[in-house]
């Protein structure tokens, strides 16, 4: 089952790439937060992430099936600028 990481401070690009296992795609959430996912999760054969899929759909993002793999949720002081 994929994991969700909710850091309290902004993670580095390298930290996020290590956690999600690839290139980063940013989804802007309806609450003003950001969700970072692996942009090639489906092609890489990663496991479906139901939590991330629901968050992406709420944000109006076309997930083309399901978001796959780990995700990072950034809110407040942890947001990327």
N, C-alpha and C. Protein backbone atom coordinates (compact mmCIF):
# COMPACT_ATOMS: atom_id res chain seq x y z
N UNK A 1 0.86 -1.18 0.00
CA UNK A 1 0.00 0.00 0.00
C UNK A 1 0.90 1.24 0.00
N UNK A 2 0.66 2.17 -0.92
CA UNK A 2 1.46 3.38 -0.97
C UNK A 2 1.34 4.21 0.31
N UNK A 3 2.37 4.98 0.58
CA UNK A 3 2.44 5.82 1.77
C UNK A 3 2.12 7.27 1.44
N UNK A 4 1.72 8.00 2.48
CA UNK A 4 1.47 9.44 2.39
C UNK A 4 2.39 10.11 3.40
N UNK A 5 3.18 11.09 2.95
CA UNK A 5 4.10 11.83 3.82
C UNK A 5 3.58 13.24 3.94
N UNK A 6 3.44 13.73 5.16
CA UNK A 6 2.96 15.09 5.43
C UNK A 6 4.01 15.83 6.26
N UNK A 7 5.07 16.33 5.61
CA UNK A 7 6.13 17.02 6.34
C UNK A 7 5.66 18.36 6.90
N UNK A 8 6.32 18.82 7.95
CA UNK A 8 5.97 20.09 8.58
C UNK A 8 6.76 21.26 8.01
N UNK A 9 7.86 20.97 7.32
CA UNK A 9 8.68 21.98 6.66
C UNK A 9 8.84 21.56 5.20
N UNK A 10 9.17 22.51 4.32
CA UNK A 10 9.29 22.15 2.90
C UNK A 10 10.39 21.12 2.67
N UNK A 11 10.05 20.00 2.06
CA UNK A 11 11.08 19.02 1.73
C UNK A 11 11.86 19.47 0.51
N UNK A 12 13.06 18.96 0.36
CA UNK A 12 13.84 19.27 -0.84
C UNK A 12 13.32 18.44 -2.00
N UNK A 13 13.67 18.87 -3.20
CA UNK A 13 13.29 18.10 -4.39
C UNK A 13 13.85 16.69 -4.29
N UNK A 14 15.08 16.55 -3.86
CA UNK A 14 15.70 15.23 -3.76
C UNK A 14 14.95 14.34 -2.77
N UNK A 15 14.52 14.91 -1.65
CA UNK A 15 13.76 14.13 -0.66
C UNK A 15 12.45 13.63 -1.24
N UNK A 16 11.76 14.51 -1.96
CA UNK A 16 10.48 14.13 -2.56
C UNK A 16 10.69 13.08 -3.64
N UNK A 17 11.67 13.29 -4.51
CA UNK A 17 11.93 12.32 -5.56
C UNK A 17 12.29 10.95 -4.99
N UNK A 18 13.04 10.94 -3.90
CA UNK A 18 13.40 9.68 -3.25
C UNK A 18 12.15 8.99 -2.69
N UNK A 19 11.26 9.77 -2.07
CA UNK A 19 10.06 9.21 -1.46
C UNK A 19 9.06 8.69 -2.49
N UNK A 20 8.86 9.45 -3.58
CA UNK A 20 7.89 9.02 -4.58
C UNK A 20 8.50 8.13 -5.66
N UNK A 21 9.81 8.13 -5.75
CA UNK A 21 10.48 7.23 -6.68
C UNK A 21 10.54 7.70 -8.11
N UNK A 22 10.56 9.02 -8.32
CA UNK A 22 10.64 9.48 -9.71
C UNK A 22 10.44 10.98 -9.84
N UNK A 23 10.03 11.37 -11.04
CA UNK A 23 9.79 12.78 -11.34
C UNK A 23 8.53 13.26 -10.63
N UNK A 24 8.56 14.52 -10.20
CA UNK A 24 7.50 15.10 -9.37
C UNK A 24 6.47 15.83 -10.23
N UNK A 25 5.21 15.55 -9.94
CA UNK A 25 4.10 16.31 -10.50
C UNK A 25 3.36 16.94 -9.34
N UNK A 26 3.05 18.24 -9.44
CA UNK A 26 2.37 18.97 -8.36
C UNK A 26 0.90 19.11 -8.71
N UNK A 27 0.05 18.75 -7.75
CA UNK A 27 -1.39 18.94 -7.87
C UNK A 27 -1.80 19.94 -6.80
N UNK A 28 -2.46 21.01 -7.21
CA UNK A 28 -2.91 22.04 -6.27
C UNK A 28 -4.27 21.62 -5.72
N UNK A 29 -4.33 21.42 -4.41
CA UNK A 29 -5.54 20.92 -3.75
C UNK A 29 -6.54 22.02 -3.48
N UNK A 30 -7.80 21.65 -3.29
CA UNK A 30 -8.87 22.63 -3.08
C UNK A 30 -8.70 23.42 -1.79
N UNK A 31 -7.98 22.87 -0.81
CA UNK A 31 -7.78 23.58 0.46
C UNK A 31 -6.55 24.48 0.45
N UNK A 32 -5.92 24.64 -0.72
CA UNK A 32 -4.73 25.47 -0.83
C UNK A 32 -3.43 24.71 -0.66
N UNK A 33 -3.53 23.44 -0.34
CA UNK A 33 -2.34 22.60 -0.19
C UNK A 33 -1.83 22.13 -1.54
N UNK A 34 -0.75 21.39 -1.47
CA UNK A 34 -0.16 20.81 -2.67
C UNK A 34 0.04 19.31 -2.44
N UNK A 35 -0.20 18.53 -3.48
CA UNK A 35 0.08 17.11 -3.42
C UNK A 35 1.12 16.81 -4.49
N UNK A 36 2.18 16.14 -4.09
CA UNK A 36 3.26 15.80 -4.99
C UNK A 36 3.20 14.30 -5.27
N UNK A 37 3.15 13.96 -6.54
CA UNK A 37 3.03 12.55 -6.94
C UNK A 37 4.10 12.23 -7.98
N UNK A 38 4.28 10.94 -8.24
CA UNK A 38 5.17 10.48 -9.29
C UNK A 38 4.43 10.63 -10.61
N UNK A 39 4.97 11.45 -11.50
CA UNK A 39 4.26 11.71 -12.76
C UNK A 39 4.20 10.48 -13.67
N UNK A 40 5.04 9.49 -13.44
CA UNK A 40 5.04 8.27 -14.25
C UNK A 40 4.61 7.05 -13.45
N UNK A 41 3.82 7.27 -12.40
CA UNK A 41 3.45 6.17 -11.51
C UNK A 41 2.77 5.01 -12.20
N UNK A 42 1.87 5.31 -13.14
CA UNK A 42 1.17 4.23 -13.83
C UNK A 42 2.13 3.49 -14.76
N UNK A 43 2.90 4.22 -15.53
CA UNK A 43 3.85 3.60 -16.46
C UNK A 43 4.91 2.79 -15.72
N UNK A 44 5.25 3.24 -14.51
CA UNK A 44 6.26 2.53 -13.71
C UNK A 44 5.67 1.32 -12.97
N UNK A 45 4.34 1.11 -13.10
CA UNK A 45 3.71 -0.04 -12.48
C UNK A 45 3.56 0.05 -10.97
N UNK A 46 3.49 1.29 -10.44
CA UNK A 46 3.33 1.46 -9.00
C UNK A 46 1.92 1.10 -8.57
N UNK A 47 1.76 0.80 -7.30
CA UNK A 47 0.46 0.41 -6.74
C UNK A 47 -0.48 1.61 -6.69
N UNK A 48 -1.79 1.38 -6.88
CA UNK A 48 -2.77 2.47 -6.76
C UNK A 48 -2.75 3.09 -5.37
N UNK A 49 -2.96 4.40 -5.34
CA UNK A 49 -3.03 5.13 -4.07
C UNK A 49 -4.44 5.74 -3.98
N UNK A 50 -5.38 5.05 -3.30
CA UNK A 50 -6.76 5.54 -3.22
C UNK A 50 -6.87 6.93 -2.60
N UNK A 51 -6.10 7.21 -1.55
CA UNK A 51 -6.16 8.52 -0.90
C UNK A 51 -5.76 9.62 -1.90
N UNK A 52 -4.65 9.42 -2.58
CA UNK A 52 -4.17 10.43 -3.53
C UNK A 52 -5.13 10.58 -4.70
N UNK A 53 -5.73 9.49 -5.14
CA UNK A 53 -6.69 9.55 -6.23
C UNK A 53 -7.89 10.41 -5.86
N UNK A 54 -8.44 10.21 -4.66
CA UNK A 54 -9.59 11.01 -4.20
C UNK A 54 -9.22 12.48 -4.12
N UNK A 55 -8.04 12.78 -3.56
CA UNK A 55 -7.62 14.18 -3.44
C UNK A 55 -7.47 14.83 -4.81
N UNK A 56 -6.91 14.09 -5.77
CA UNK A 56 -6.73 14.62 -7.12
C UNK A 56 -8.07 14.87 -7.81
N UNK A 57 -9.01 13.94 -7.65
CA UNK A 57 -10.33 14.11 -8.25
C UNK A 57 -11.05 15.31 -7.66
N UNK A 58 -10.95 15.50 -6.35
CA UNK A 58 -11.57 16.67 -5.70
C UNK A 58 -11.01 17.97 -6.25
N UNK A 59 -9.74 17.95 -6.64
CA UNK A 59 -9.08 19.14 -7.18
C UNK A 59 -9.37 19.33 -8.67
N UNK A 60 -10.14 18.42 -9.25
CA UNK A 60 -10.48 18.54 -10.67
C UNK A 60 -9.40 18.03 -11.59
N UNK A 61 -8.49 17.25 -11.06
CA UNK A 61 -7.38 16.72 -11.84
C UNK A 61 -7.80 15.44 -12.56
N UNK A 62 -7.45 15.31 -13.82
CA UNK A 62 -7.76 14.11 -14.59
C UNK A 62 -6.71 13.06 -14.29
N UNK A 63 -7.07 12.06 -13.50
CA UNK A 63 -6.10 11.06 -13.07
C UNK A 63 -5.93 9.91 -14.05
N UNK A 64 -6.72 9.87 -15.11
CA UNK A 64 -6.61 8.81 -16.12
C UNK A 64 -6.56 7.43 -15.47
N UNK A 65 -7.47 7.17 -14.58
CA UNK A 65 -7.54 5.89 -13.88
C UNK A 65 -7.34 6.08 -12.40
N UNK A 66 -6.08 6.07 -11.97
CA UNK A 66 -5.76 6.23 -10.56
C UNK A 66 -4.39 6.85 -10.41
N UNK A 67 -4.20 7.60 -9.31
CA UNK A 67 -2.86 8.04 -8.95
C UNK A 67 -2.14 6.82 -8.39
N UNK A 68 -0.89 6.66 -8.76
CA UNK A 68 -0.12 5.49 -8.34
C UNK A 68 1.08 5.90 -7.50
N UNK A 69 1.39 5.07 -6.51
CA UNK A 69 2.60 5.26 -5.71
C UNK A 69 2.41 6.21 -4.54
N UNK A 70 3.51 6.46 -3.85
CA UNK A 70 3.52 7.36 -2.69
C UNK A 70 3.16 8.78 -3.10
N UNK A 71 2.67 9.55 -2.13
CA UNK A 71 2.43 10.97 -2.38
C UNK A 71 2.88 11.78 -1.17
N UNK A 72 3.12 13.06 -1.41
CA UNK A 72 3.51 14.00 -0.36
C UNK A 72 2.44 15.08 -0.32
N UNK A 73 1.93 15.37 0.87
CA UNK A 73 0.94 16.44 1.06
C UNK A 73 1.62 17.60 1.77
N UNK A 74 1.58 18.77 1.14
CA UNK A 74 2.18 19.97 1.73
C UNK A 74 1.09 20.97 2.07
N UNK A 75 1.15 21.47 3.29
CA UNK A 75 0.21 22.50 3.74
C UNK A 75 0.96 23.51 4.62
N UNK A 76 0.42 24.71 4.70
CA UNK A 76 0.97 25.73 5.60
C UNK A 76 2.43 26.02 5.31
N UNK A 77 3.25 25.95 6.36
CA UNK A 77 4.68 26.29 6.24
C UNK A 77 5.45 25.33 5.36
N UNK A 78 4.89 24.19 5.04
CA UNK A 78 5.59 23.19 4.23
C UNK A 78 5.40 23.39 2.73
N UNK A 79 4.53 24.33 2.31
CA UNK A 79 4.27 24.53 0.89
C UNK A 79 5.52 24.89 0.11
N UNK A 80 5.60 24.39 -1.12
CA UNK A 80 6.65 24.80 -2.04
C UNK A 80 6.26 26.13 -2.65
N UNK A 81 7.23 27.02 -2.81
CA UNK A 81 6.96 28.32 -3.43
C UNK A 81 7.75 28.48 -4.70
